[in-house]
């Protein structure tokens, strides 16, 4: 969708096996060479990926699974907003 409607936006899909994701992070994400990162919420909450992604400075975080954030005690809500959550 980004290629079609916003071709100037550098969007990265964060997927692959653990070593591919680690390489993608090292090659493009760590240096901030992207405008949009598309990632599954399971990876956001994961031990290794979550740790890497939390280290980035975020301007915005948009959650497609917004209904999961209605419960303030849910794992996703805590992961995004808790004491060690994402900085946005």
C-alpha atoms as a PDB file:
ATOM      1  CA  UNK A   1       0.000   0.000   0.000  1.00  0.00           C
ATOM      2  CA  UNK A   2       2.795   2.442   0.779  1.00  0.00           C
ATOM      3  CA  UNK A   3       4.401   1.861  -2.623  1.00  0.00           C
ATOM      4  CA  UNK A   4       1.130   2.707  -4.308  1.00  0.00           C
ATOM      5  CA  UNK A   5      -0.152   5.644  -2.224  1.00  0.00           C
ATOM      6  CA  UNK A   6       3.022   7.119  -0.744  1.00  0.00           C
ATOM      7  CA  UNK A   7       5.961   6.110  -2.930  1.00  0.00           C
ATOM      8  CA  UNK A   8       8.306   8.639  -1.328  1.00  0.00           C
ATOM      9  CA  UNK A   9       7.839   7.046   2.108  1.00  0.00           C
ATOM     10  CA  UNK A  10      10.501   4.444   2.901  1.00  0.00           C
ATOM     11  CA  UNK A  11       8.487   1.663   4.516  1.00  0.00           C
ATOM     12  CA  UNK A  12      10.112  -1.515   5.809  1.00  0.00           C
ATOM     13  CA  UNK A  13       8.305  -4.746   6.590  1.00  0.00           C
ATOM     14  CA  UNK A  14      10.002  -6.333   9.607  1.00  0.00           C
ATOM     15  CA  UNK A  15       9.722 -10.066   8.941  1.00  0.00           C
ATOM     16  CA  UNK A  16      11.738 -13.190   8.322  1.00  0.00           C
ATOM     17  CA  UNK A  17      13.485 -15.667  10.549  1.00  0.00           C
ATOM     18  CA  UNK A  18      15.356 -14.379  13.622  1.00  0.00           C
ATOM     19  CA  UNK A  19      18.697 -14.003  11.838  1.00  0.00           C
ATOM     20  CA  UNK A  20      17.080 -12.170   8.891  1.00  0.00           C
ATOM     21  CA  UNK A  21      15.316  -9.770  11.255  1.00  0.00           C
ATOM     22  CA  UNK A  22      18.532  -9.139  13.166  1.00  0.00           C
ATOM     23  CA  UNK A  23      20.355  -8.371   9.902  1.00  0.00           C
ATOM     24  CA  UNK A  24      17.539  -6.044   8.775  1.00  0.00           C
ATOM     25  CA  UNK A  25      17.717  -4.221  12.090  1.00  0.00           C
ATOM     26  CA  UNK A  26      21.496  -3.856  11.856  1.00  0.00           C
ATOM     27  CA  UNK A  27      21.463  -2.791   8.207  1.00  0.00           C
ATOM     28  CA  UNK A  28      18.537  -0.331   8.156  1.00  0.00           C
ATOM     29  CA  UNK A  29      16.656   0.189  11.395  1.00  0.00           C
ATOM     30  CA  UNK A  30      19.443   0.983  13.838  1.00  0.00           C
ATOM     31  CA  UNK A  31      20.524   3.978  11.732  1.00  0.00           C
ATOM     32  CA  UNK A  32      16.943   5.186  11.283  1.00  0.00           C
ATOM     33  CA  UNK A  33      16.924   4.628   7.514  1.00  0.00           C
ATOM     34  CA  UNK A  34      13.132   4.325   7.363  1.00  0.00           C
ATOM     35  CA  UNK A  35       9.940   6.334   7.756  1.00  0.00           C
ATOM     36  CA  UNK A  36       7.525   3.501   8.528  1.00  0.00           C
ATOM     37  CA  UNK A  37       8.097   0.089  10.071  1.00  0.00           C
ATOM     38  CA  UNK A  38       5.407  -2.546   9.628  1.00  0.00           C
ATOM     39  CA  UNK A  39       5.691  -5.277  12.234  1.00  0.00           C
ATOM     40  CA  UNK A  40       3.473  -7.953  13.788  1.00  0.00           C
ATOM     41  CA  UNK A  41       2.544  -7.252  17.384  1.00  0.00           C
ATOM     42  CA  UNK A  42       3.878 -10.670  18.420  1.00  0.00           C
ATOM     43  CA  UNK A  43       7.385  -9.544  17.426  1.00  0.00           C
ATOM     44  CA  UNK A  44       6.973  -6.251  19.278  1.00  0.00           C
ATOM     45  CA  UNK A  45       6.360  -8.241  22.450  1.00  0.00           C
ATOM     46  CA  UNK A  46       9.102 -10.791  21.760  1.00  0.00           C
ATOM     47  CA  UNK A  47      12.217 -10.962  23.894  1.00  0.00           C
ATOM     48  CA  UNK A  48      14.919 -10.316  21.278  1.00  0.00           C
ATOM     49  CA  UNK A  49      12.973  -8.268  18.738  1.00  0.00           C
ATOM     50  CA  UNK A  50      11.205  -6.267  21.416  1.00  0.00           C
ATOM     51  CA  UNK A  51      14.499  -5.332  23.036  1.00  0.00           C
ATOM     52  CA  UNK A  52      15.942  -4.139  19.722  1.00  0.00           C
ATOM     53  CA  UNK A  53      12.820  -2.233  18.685  1.00  0.00           C
ATOM     54  CA  UNK A  54      12.423  -0.528  22.069  1.00  0.00           C
ATOM     55  CA  UNK A  55      15.876   0.986  21.607  1.00  0.00           C
ATOM     56  CA  UNK A  56      14.696   3.085  18.663  1.00  0.00           C
ATOM     57  CA  UNK A  57      13.302   6.600  19.048  1.00  0.00           C
ATOM     58  CA  UNK A  58       9.715   6.541  17.794  1.00  0.00           C
ATOM     59  CA  UNK A  59       7.698   9.543  16.633  1.00  0.00           C
ATOM     60  CA  UNK A  60       4.448   7.596  16.401  1.00  0.00           C
ATOM     61  CA  UNK A  61       3.255   4.085  17.089  1.00  0.00           C
ATOM     62  CA  UNK A  62       0.084   3.032  15.293  1.00  0.00           C
ATOM     63  CA  UNK A  63      -1.495  -0.237  16.376  1.00  0.00           C
ATOM     64  CA  UNK A  64      -3.762  -2.006  13.893  1.00  0.00           C
ATOM     65  CA  UNK A  65      -4.998  -4.275  16.667  1.00  0.00           C
ATOM     66  CA  UNK A  66      -6.349  -1.307  18.650  1.00  0.00           C
ATOM     67  CA  UNK A  67      -9.030  -3.368  20.357  1.00  0.00           C
ATOM     68  CA  UNK A  68      -6.196  -5.147  22.202  1.00  0.00           C
ATOM     69  CA  UNK A  69      -5.340  -1.866  23.927  1.00  0.00           C
ATOM     70  CA  UNK A  70      -8.747  -1.477  25.577  1.00  0.00           C
ATOM     71  CA  UNK A  71      -7.603  -3.760  28.371  1.00  0.00           C
ATOM     72  CA  UNK A  72      -4.940  -1.830  30.297  1.00  0.00           C
ATOM     73  CA  UNK A  73      -3.709  -5.085  31.802  1.00  0.00           C
ATOM     74  CA  UNK A  74      -3.155  -6.808  28.463  1.00  0.00           C
ATOM     75  CA  UNK A  75       0.340  -7.913  27.543  1.00  0.00           C
ATOM     76  CA  UNK A  76       0.419  -5.629  24.476  1.00  0.00           C
ATOM     77  CA  UNK A  77      -0.705  -2.541  26.420  1.00  0.00           C
ATOM     78  CA  UNK A  78       1.892  -3.187  29.123  1.00  0.00           C
ATOM     79  CA  UNK A  79       4.606  -3.812  26.541  1.00  0.00           C
ATOM     80  CA  UNK A  80       3.917  -0.531  24.721  1.00  0.00           C
ATOM     81  CA  UNK A  81       3.266   1.757  27.676  1.00  0.00           C
ATOM     82  CA  UNK A  82       4.814   0.141  30.743  1.00  0.00           C
ATOM     83  CA  UNK A  83       7.878   1.219  32.697  1.00  0.00           C
ATOM     84  CA  UNK A  84      10.170  -0.353  30.111  1.00  0.00           C
ATOM     85  CA  UNK A  85       7.840   0.322  27.187  1.00  0.00           C
ATOM     86  CA  UNK A  86       8.371   2.012  23.880  1.00  0.00           C
ATOM     87  CA  UNK A  87       9.474   5.647  23.790  1.00  0.00           C
ATOM     88  CA  UNK A  88       7.264   7.679  21.493  1.00  0.00           C
END
